Structures are given as structure tokens and as C-alpha cells.
Amino acid sequence: MASTNFARLIGEMDAELRIELTSRIRLLTAELRGELLREITIRLADAEAKAGVVEVNVDHKIQLVAAEFAQRLGRLEGTQLNSRGAAL
């Protein structure tokens, strides 16, 4: 009879430990998920900010190249007009 009670107590302890372990695992999983989401959100915001800076820099450089191109094209057209006028 004592061994039956002992086996029953071991079974009850096993069940309680499984419930406790499952509960703790779920809690840790939720905490880790929250930490990961926060970290991802921070890193994503940082990446978006950096991409915005790059976009502004690229846009500025494109404007500079376009302005220089327009200036050189104007000089080239002026040179061609002058050489045509001299040929006439």
C-alpha cells in the first residue's frame, strides 16, 4: 500500500512539474518574443533612417551631376554654334 501511495505522489509531482515547466516556458517565450520584436523595431527604424539619408544624398548628387551636365551641354552647343557661324 505504501508503494502505491508513493507512486501516486510521484505521479502527482510529475504532473505538477510538467504544468509548472510548461507555464514557465510559455512565459519565457512571450518575453523573448517581446524583446525580439522591440529589437527588430529599433533596427528597422534605424535602417529606414539611414536609407532616408542615403536617398537625400543620392538625390543631391544627381542634381549636381544634372546641373554640371546641363552646363557642359550648353557650352558644347555654344561652341558648335560659334564654329558654324565662323564657317559661314
N, C-alpha and C. Protein backbone atom coordinates (compact mmCIF):
# COMPACT_ATOMS: atom_id res chain seq x y z
N MET A 1 0.82 -1.19 0.00
CA MET A 1 0.00 0.00 0.00
C MET A 1 0.87 1.26 0.00
N ALA A 2 1.97 1.23 0.75
CA ALA A 2 2.85 2.38 0.83
C ALA A 2 3.49 2.66 -0.52
N SER A 3 3.82 1.62 -1.24
CA SER A 3 4.43 1.83 -2.55
C SER A 3 3.41 2.41 -3.53
N THR A 4 2.16 2.08 -3.38
CA THR A 4 1.11 2.64 -4.24
C THR A 4 0.95 4.13 -3.97
N ASN A 5 0.96 4.49 -2.69
CA ASN A 5 0.87 5.91 -2.33
C ASN A 5 2.09 6.67 -2.83
N PHE A 6 3.25 6.04 -2.70
CA PHE A 6 4.49 6.67 -3.14
C PHE A 6 4.45 6.89 -4.66
N ALA A 7 4.01 5.90 -5.39
CA ALA A 7 3.90 6.00 -6.85
C ALA A 7 2.89 7.08 -7.23
N ARG A 8 1.79 7.16 -6.50
CA ARG A 8 0.76 8.18 -6.77
C ARG A 8 1.33 9.57 -6.53
N LEU A 9 2.08 9.73 -5.42
CA LEU A 9 2.69 11.03 -5.11
C LEU A 9 3.71 11.42 -6.18
N ILE A 10 4.50 10.46 -6.63
CA ILE A 10 5.48 10.73 -7.69
C ILE A 10 4.73 11.16 -8.96
N GLY A 11 3.67 10.49 -9.29
CA GLY A 11 2.86 10.84 -10.47
C GLY A 11 2.28 12.23 -10.35
N GLU A 12 1.79 12.59 -9.17
CA GLU A 12 1.23 13.93 -8.96
C GLU A 12 2.32 14.99 -9.07
N MET A 13 3.48 14.69 -8.48
CA MET A 13 4.60 15.65 -8.56
C MET A 13 5.04 15.82 -10.01
N ASP A 14 5.09 14.73 -10.75
CA ASP A 14 5.47 14.78 -12.16
C ASP A 14 4.49 15.66 -12.93
N ALA A 15 3.21 15.48 -12.70
CA ALA A 15 2.20 16.28 -13.39
C ALA A 15 2.32 17.76 -13.03
N GLU A 16 2.51 18.04 -11.75
CA GLU A 16 2.66 19.43 -11.30
C GLU A 16 3.91 20.07 -11.90
N LEU A 17 5.00 19.32 -11.94
CA LEU A 17 6.24 19.84 -12.52
C LEU A 17 6.09 20.10 -14.02
N ARG A 18 5.39 19.22 -14.70
CA ARG A 18 5.14 19.43 -16.13
C ARG A 18 4.32 20.70 -16.36
N ILE A 19 3.30 20.89 -15.54
CA ILE A 19 2.47 22.10 -15.66
C ILE A 19 3.30 23.35 -15.39
N GLU A 20 4.11 23.29 -14.33
CA GLU A 20 4.95 24.44 -13.97
C GLU A 20 5.97 24.72 -15.07
N LEU A 21 6.59 23.68 -15.58
CA LEU A 21 7.59 23.85 -16.63
C LEU A 21 6.96 24.41 -17.89
N THR A 22 5.81 23.91 -18.26
CA THR A 22 5.09 24.42 -19.43
C THR A 22 4.75 25.89 -19.25
N SER A 23 4.29 26.24 -18.08
CA SER A 23 3.94 27.63 -17.79
C SER A 23 5.16 28.54 -17.90
N ARG A 24 6.27 28.12 -17.34
CA ARG A 24 7.48 28.93 -17.39
C ARG A 24 8.01 29.06 -18.81
N ILE A 25 7.94 27.97 -19.56
CA ILE A 25 8.39 28.03 -20.96
C ILE A 25 7.54 29.01 -21.75
N ARG A 26 6.22 28.98 -21.55
CA ARG A 26 5.33 29.92 -22.25
C ARG A 26 5.64 31.36 -21.87
N LEU A 27 5.90 31.59 -20.59
CA LEU A 27 6.24 32.94 -20.12
C LEU A 27 7.55 33.42 -20.74
N LEU A 28 8.55 32.57 -20.72
CA LEU A 28 9.84 32.94 -21.32
C LEU A 28 9.72 33.17 -22.82
N THR A 29 8.92 32.34 -23.47
CA THR A 29 8.71 32.51 -24.91
C THR A 29 8.06 33.86 -25.20
N ALA A 30 7.08 34.23 -24.41
CA ALA A 30 6.41 35.52 -24.60
C ALA A 30 7.38 36.68 -24.35
N GLU A 31 8.19 36.56 -23.32
CA GLU A 31 9.17 37.61 -23.02
C GLU A 31 10.19 37.74 -24.14
N LEU A 32 10.70 36.62 -24.61
CA LEU A 32 11.68 36.65 -25.70
C LEU A 32 11.07 37.20 -26.98
N ARG A 33 9.83 36.82 -27.26
CA ARG A 33 9.15 37.34 -28.45
C ARG A 33 9.04 38.86 -28.36
N GLY A 34 8.67 39.35 -27.18
CA GLY A 34 8.56 40.80 -27.00
C GLY A 34 9.90 41.50 -27.17
N GLU A 35 10.95 40.92 -26.60
CA GLU A 35 12.28 41.51 -26.74
C GLU A 35 12.73 41.51 -28.20
N LEU A 36 12.49 40.41 -28.89
CA LEU A 36 12.86 40.34 -30.31
C LEU A 36 12.10 41.36 -31.14
N LEU A 37 10.82 41.49 -30.89
CA LEU A 37 10.03 42.47 -31.65
C LEU A 37 10.51 43.90 -31.39
N ARG A 38 10.85 44.20 -30.13
CA ARG A 38 11.38 45.53 -29.82
C ARG A 38 12.70 45.76 -30.54
N GLU A 39 13.58 44.77 -30.50
CA GLU A 39 14.88 44.90 -31.15
C GLU A 39 14.73 45.05 -32.66
N ILE A 40 13.86 44.27 -33.24
CA ILE A 40 13.62 44.36 -34.68
C ILE A 40 13.05 45.72 -35.04
N THR A 41 12.13 46.22 -34.23
CA THR A 41 11.53 47.53 -34.48
C THR A 41 12.59 48.63 -34.44
N ILE A 42 13.48 48.55 -33.46
CA ILE A 42 14.54 49.55 -33.33
C ILE A 42 15.48 49.49 -34.52
N ARG A 43 15.88 48.27 -34.88
CA ARG A 43 16.81 48.13 -36.02
C ARG A 43 16.17 48.53 -37.33
N LEU A 44 14.90 48.23 -37.49
CA LEU A 44 14.20 48.61 -38.71
C LEU A 44 14.08 50.13 -38.82
N ALA A 45 13.77 50.78 -37.72
CA ALA A 45 13.68 52.25 -37.72
C ALA A 45 15.04 52.86 -38.04
N ASP A 46 16.10 52.28 -37.50
CA ASP A 46 17.45 52.76 -37.78
C ASP A 46 17.79 52.59 -39.25
N ALA A 47 17.46 51.43 -39.81
CA ALA A 47 17.73 51.18 -41.22
C ALA A 47 16.94 52.14 -42.12
N GLU A 48 15.69 52.40 -41.75
CA GLU A 48 14.87 53.32 -42.53
C GLU A 48 15.44 54.73 -42.48
N ALA A 49 15.92 55.14 -41.31
CA ALA A 49 16.52 56.47 -41.18
C ALA A 49 17.78 56.58 -42.03
N LYS A 50 18.61 55.53 -41.98
CA LYS A 50 19.83 55.55 -42.79
C LYS A 50 19.51 55.54 -44.28
N ALA A 51 18.51 54.78 -44.67
CA ALA A 51 18.10 54.75 -46.08
C ALA A 51 17.60 56.13 -46.51
N GLY A 52 16.90 56.82 -45.63
CA GLY A 52 16.43 58.16 -45.94
C GLY A 52 17.58 59.13 -46.16
N VAL A 53 18.62 59.01 -45.35
CA VAL A 53 19.80 59.87 -45.51
C VAL A 53 20.50 59.57 -46.83
N VAL A 54 20.62 58.29 -47.15
CA VAL A 54 21.25 57.89 -48.42
C VAL A 54 20.44 58.43 -49.59
N GLU A 55 19.13 58.34 -49.49
CA GLU A 55 18.26 58.83 -50.56
C GLU A 55 18.46 60.33 -50.78
N VAL A 56 18.54 61.08 -49.70
CA VAL A 56 18.75 62.53 -49.81
C VAL A 56 20.11 62.81 -50.44
N ASN A 57 21.14 62.08 -50.01
CA ASN A 57 22.48 62.29 -50.56
C ASN A 57 22.53 61.95 -52.05
N VAL A 58 21.91 60.84 -52.43
CA VAL A 58 21.90 60.44 -53.84
C VAL A 58 21.14 61.47 -54.66
N ASP A 59 20.02 61.94 -54.16
CA ASP A 59 19.23 62.95 -54.88
C ASP A 59 20.04 64.22 -55.07
N HIS A 60 20.75 64.63 -54.04
CA HIS A 60 21.58 65.84 -54.13
C HIS A 60 22.69 65.65 -55.18
N LYS A 61 23.33 64.50 -55.16
CA LYS A 61 24.41 64.25 -56.12
C LYS A 61 23.87 64.18 -57.54
N ILE A 62 22.69 63.61 -57.72
CA ILE A 62 22.08 63.56 -59.05
C ILE A 62 21.79 64.98 -59.54
N GLN A 63 21.32 65.83 -58.65
CA GLN A 63 21.06 67.22 -59.04
C GLN A 63 22.35 67.93 -59.43
N LEU A 64 23.43 67.67 -58.70
CA LEU A 64 24.71 68.28 -59.04
C LEU A 64 25.21 67.80 -60.40
N VAL A 65 25.11 66.50 -60.66
CA VAL A 65 25.54 65.94 -61.94
C VAL A 65 24.67 66.48 -63.07
N ALA A 66 23.37 66.58 -62.86
CA ALA A 66 22.47 67.10 -63.88
C ALA A 66 22.78 68.56 -64.19
N ALA A 67 23.08 69.33 -63.16
CA ALA A 67 23.42 70.75 -63.36
C ALA A 67 24.74 70.86 -64.13
N GLU A 68 25.72 70.06 -63.77
CA GLU A 68 27.00 70.09 -64.47
C GLU A 68 26.83 69.64 -65.92
N PHE A 69 26.01 68.62 -66.13
CA PHE A 69 25.75 68.13 -67.48
C PHE A 69 25.09 69.22 -68.32
N ALA A 70 24.10 69.89 -67.75
CA ALA A 70 23.41 70.96 -68.48
C ALA A 70 24.38 72.08 -68.82
N GLN A 71 25.26 72.40 -67.88
CA GLN A 71 26.24 73.46 -68.11
C GLN A 71 27.19 73.07 -69.24
N ARG A 72 27.69 71.86 -69.21
CA ARG A 72 28.63 71.41 -70.25
C ARG A 72 27.93 71.30 -71.61
N LEU A 73 26.68 70.85 -71.61
CA LEU A 73 25.93 70.75 -72.85
C LEU A 73 25.73 72.15 -73.44
N GLY A 74 25.44 73.10 -72.57
CA GLY A 74 25.29 74.48 -73.04
C GLY A 74 26.57 75.01 -73.65
N ARG A 75 27.70 74.71 -73.01
CA ARG A 75 28.98 75.15 -73.57
C ARG A 75 29.26 74.48 -74.91
N LEU A 76 28.96 73.20 -75.01
CA LEU A 76 29.18 72.45 -76.25
C LEU A 76 28.31 73.01 -77.36
N GLU A 77 27.05 73.27 -77.06
CA GLU A 77 26.16 73.84 -78.07
C GLU A 77 26.65 75.22 -78.50
N GLY A 78 27.13 76.00 -77.53
CA GLY A 78 27.65 77.33 -77.85
C GLY A 78 28.89 77.23 -78.72
N THR A 79 29.75 76.27 -78.44
CA THR A 79 30.95 76.06 -79.25
C THR A 79 30.58 75.64 -80.65
N GLN A 80 29.61 74.76 -80.78
CA GLN A 80 29.20 74.29 -82.11
C GLN A 80 28.56 75.43 -82.91
N LEU A 81 27.78 76.28 -82.24
CA LEU A 81 27.17 77.42 -82.93
C LEU A 81 28.24 78.40 -83.41
N ASN A 82 29.24 78.62 -82.56
CA ASN A 82 30.31 79.55 -82.93
C ASN A 82 31.11 79.00 -84.10
N SER A 83 31.37 77.69 -84.12
CA SER A 83 32.16 77.12 -85.22
C SER A 83 31.34 77.11 -86.51
N ARG A 84 30.03 76.95 -86.42
CA ARG A 84 29.17 77.00 -87.61
C ARG A 84 29.12 78.44 -88.15
N GLY A 85 29.04 79.38 -87.23
CA GLY A 85 29.00 80.79 -87.64
C GLY A 85 30.30 81.21 -88.30
N ALA A 86 31.41 80.69 -87.81
CA ALA A 86 32.71 81.02 -88.39
C ALA A 86 32.86 80.38 -89.76
N ALA A 87 32.23 79.25 -89.98
CA ALA A 87 32.34 78.55 -91.24
C ALA A 87 31.52 79.26 -92.31
N LEU A 88 30.51 80.02 -91.90
CA LEU A 88 29.68 80.71 -92.87
C LEU A 88 30.38 81.95 -93.29
